[in-house]
Every structure is written in structure tokens, then in C-alpha cells.
Protein backbone atom coordinates (compact mmCIF):
# COMPACT_ATOMS: atom_id res chain seq x y z
CA GLN A 1 33.60 46.14 -0.92
CA VAL A 2 31.30 45.91 2.12
CA GLN A 3 29.24 49.05 2.45
CA LEU A 4 25.92 50.45 3.48
CA VAL A 5 24.33 53.34 1.58
CA GLU A 6 21.54 55.36 2.53
CA SER A 7 19.08 57.04 0.36
CA GLY A 8 15.62 58.85 0.57
CA GLY A 9 16.46 62.07 2.52
CA GLY A 10 15.42 65.60 1.62
CA LEU A 11 13.42 68.43 2.52
CA VAL A 12 9.79 67.89 3.77
CA GLN A 13 7.27 70.20 5.60
CA PRO A 14 6.21 69.23 8.98
CA GLY A 15 3.47 66.61 9.16
CA GLY A 16 5.04 65.05 6.13
CA SER A 17 6.48 61.79 5.33
CA LEU A 18 9.59 60.04 4.06
CA ARG A 19 11.05 56.57 3.40
CA LEU A 20 14.70 56.04 3.93
CA SER A 21 16.57 53.03 2.22
CA CYS A 22 19.55 51.48 3.69
CA ALA A 23 21.13 49.11 0.95
CA ALA A 24 23.87 46.67 1.72
CA SER A 25 26.59 45.59 -0.79
CA GLY A 26 29.53 42.72 -0.33
CA PHE A 27 27.56 41.30 2.58
CA ARG A 28 23.96 40.02 3.41
CA LEU A 29 22.16 41.54 5.88
CA ASP A 30 19.94 38.79 6.72
CA ALA A 31 21.61 37.67 9.91
CA PHE A 32 22.40 41.19 11.27
CA ALA A 33 20.61 43.85 13.37
CA ILE A 34 20.25 47.04 11.57
CA ALA A 35 19.72 50.37 13.04
CA TRP A 36 18.95 53.71 12.08
CA PHE A 37 20.88 56.34 14.23
CA ARG A 38 20.56 60.32 13.55
CA GLN A 39 22.80 63.28 14.64
CA ALA A 40 21.67 66.78 14.82
CA PRO A 41 23.93 69.78 14.64
CA GLY A 42 25.64 69.92 17.90
CA LYS A 43 24.12 66.92 19.44
CA GLU A 44 25.29 63.52 19.98
CA ARG A 45 24.50 60.61 17.31
CA GLU A 46 21.37 58.71 18.95
CA GLU A 47 19.58 55.53 18.06
CA VAL A 48 16.21 56.01 16.31
CA SER A 49 15.22 52.48 15.65
CA CYS A 50 16.43 48.76 15.32
CA VAL A 51 15.65 45.61 13.61
CA SER A 52 16.96 42.44 14.43
CA GLY A 53 18.35 39.84 12.36
CA SER A 54 15.99 37.45 10.55
CA ASP A 55 16.12 34.46 8.40
CA GLY A 56 12.40 34.66 7.22
CA SER A 57 9.75 37.02 8.08
CA THR A 58 9.75 37.17 11.89
CA TYR A 59 11.93 39.80 13.60
CA SER A 60 11.97 42.13 16.47
CA THR A 61 12.15 46.01 16.69
CA TYR A 62 13.03 48.72 18.77
CA TYR A 63 12.11 52.48 18.57
CA GLY A 64 13.18 55.53 20.20
CA ALA A 65 10.40 56.96 22.72
CA TYR A 66 10.73 60.23 20.42
CA VAL A 67 9.63 58.55 17.04
CA LYS A 68 7.45 55.55 18.34
CA GLY A 69 4.13 55.41 16.59
CA ARG A 70 5.51 57.74 14.03
CA PHE A 71 8.27 55.71 12.12
CA THR A 72 8.52 52.11 11.04
CA ILE A 73 11.42 49.90 10.60
CA SER A 74 11.33 47.10 8.04
CA ARG A 75 13.54 44.85 6.31
CA ASP A 76 13.71 43.21 2.83
CA ASN A 77 16.07 40.37 3.06
CA ALA A 78 15.54 39.30 -0.82
CA GLN A 79 16.64 42.95 -1.54
CA ASN A 80 18.99 43.12 1.00
CA ILE A 81 17.60 46.48 2.00
CA VAL A 82 16.27 48.03 5.55
CA TYR A 83 13.83 50.82 5.38
CA LEU A 84 12.82 53.67 7.87
CA HIS A 85 9.25 54.89 7.09
CA MET A 86 8.87 58.24 8.79
CA ASN A 87 5.46 59.80 9.14
CA SER A 88 4.14 62.79 11.06
CA LEU A 89 7.70 64.62 10.81
CA LYS A 90 8.59 67.36 12.93
CA PRO A 91 11.11 70.23 12.67
CA GLU A 92 13.05 68.24 15.59
CA ASP A 93 13.43 65.15 13.33
CA THR A 94 15.85 67.34 11.14
CA ALA A 95 19.34 65.24 11.42
CA VAL A 96 21.78 63.27 9.38
CA TYR A 97 20.47 59.85 9.51
CA TYR A 98 22.75 56.77 9.18
CA CYS A 99 22.21 53.18 8.93
CA ALA A 100 24.71 50.84 10.42
CA SER A 101 25.01 47.12 10.79
CA ALA A 102 25.59 45.23 14.24
CA LYS A 103 28.18 42.71 15.06
CA GLY A 104 25.27 40.50 16.16
CA GLY A 105 21.53 39.55 15.33
CA TYR A 106 20.12 41.38 18.17
CA CYS A 107 19.06 44.73 18.77
CA LEU A 108 20.73 45.49 22.17
CA SER A 109 19.34 47.90 24.89
CA LEU A 110 22.57 49.94 25.96
CA PRO A 111 23.21 53.37 27.47
CA PRO A 112 23.85 55.81 24.53
CA GLU A 113 27.62 56.01 25.15
CA HIS A 114 27.89 52.25 24.41
CA ILE A 115 25.38 51.43 21.70
CA LEU A 116 27.75 53.04 19.16
CA HIS A 117 30.22 50.30 19.93
CA GLU A 118 27.86 47.27 18.82
CA TYR A 119 27.79 48.34 15.28
CA ASP A 120 30.94 47.87 13.00
CA ILE A 121 29.56 48.91 9.34
CA TRP A 122 28.26 52.50 8.94
CA GLY A 123 26.66 54.27 5.86
CA GLN A 124 27.71 58.05 5.02
CA GLY A 125 24.43 59.30 6.10
CA THR A 126 21.61 61.21 4.18
CA GLN A 127 20.15 64.58 5.47
CA VAL A 128 16.59 64.77 6.51
CA THR A 129 15.41 68.51 7.07
CA VAL A 130 11.84 69.20 8.42
CA SER A 131 10.68 72.79 7.73
CA SER A 132 8.14 74.86 6.16
């Protein structure tokens, strides 16, 4: 069965850190771009970060402006996992975080209304709550 499973979410105080994991089963992540999206209550799903496909140690990354400098995406092809390291968390980072596998190997720069269609395998999401 082809699936993505997120883990690592939870409750953290402002300024704290979390590491989210996205583990794939039933297929290899290596060749595909993998992205993290988030959706807060009453808001549209937005792209947080993306890492391109890689057959080695070289890959490209993308970050949304609101997380740049605080979040880091990485991939471990041997473990078939993609991580999202989140530092300096803010209350506005509170959302359900989803990982998704793209149809191709590149992180595409597309308007929000189109970017979701480029991803065809989605995880179930993990809740991140930033609150004191």
C-alpha cells in the first residue's frame, strides 16, 4: 500500500522546536519532490517547504517566506523519510501539517490554487500547536 505517514507533532511553547517526520511505505521517495503543507482552521492549505528529488546527497529546497530561516527540510533516502525541523515556533505556526509526494522530481513555483494539484500522495496530517 502506497502511503505517507507524518509524526512528530504536538504542543510546544512559543520559541520552541519540533521535528516532523514523513515516512513513506509502498514506494521510494528518492526521485520525487516532497513538500510540507499546513492548514490552520478556517484557512486555505499552504505550502511550507519543499525538497526536490535526489539520487544522492544533492537536492534543492524551497521555503515559504513566513518560515524561511526558522524551518529546515531534509531527506534521508536510505530511511525513506523526509524531515521538517521547526525552530523559533510562533503561535501563528499552529496548524495541521501534511506531507505530500509530487508527481515529479522538482519543487515547482506555482500559485497556491495550482500547487496542490502537483501532489498526488498525501499523509493524514499531524497537529502542531504553539501556545503558552
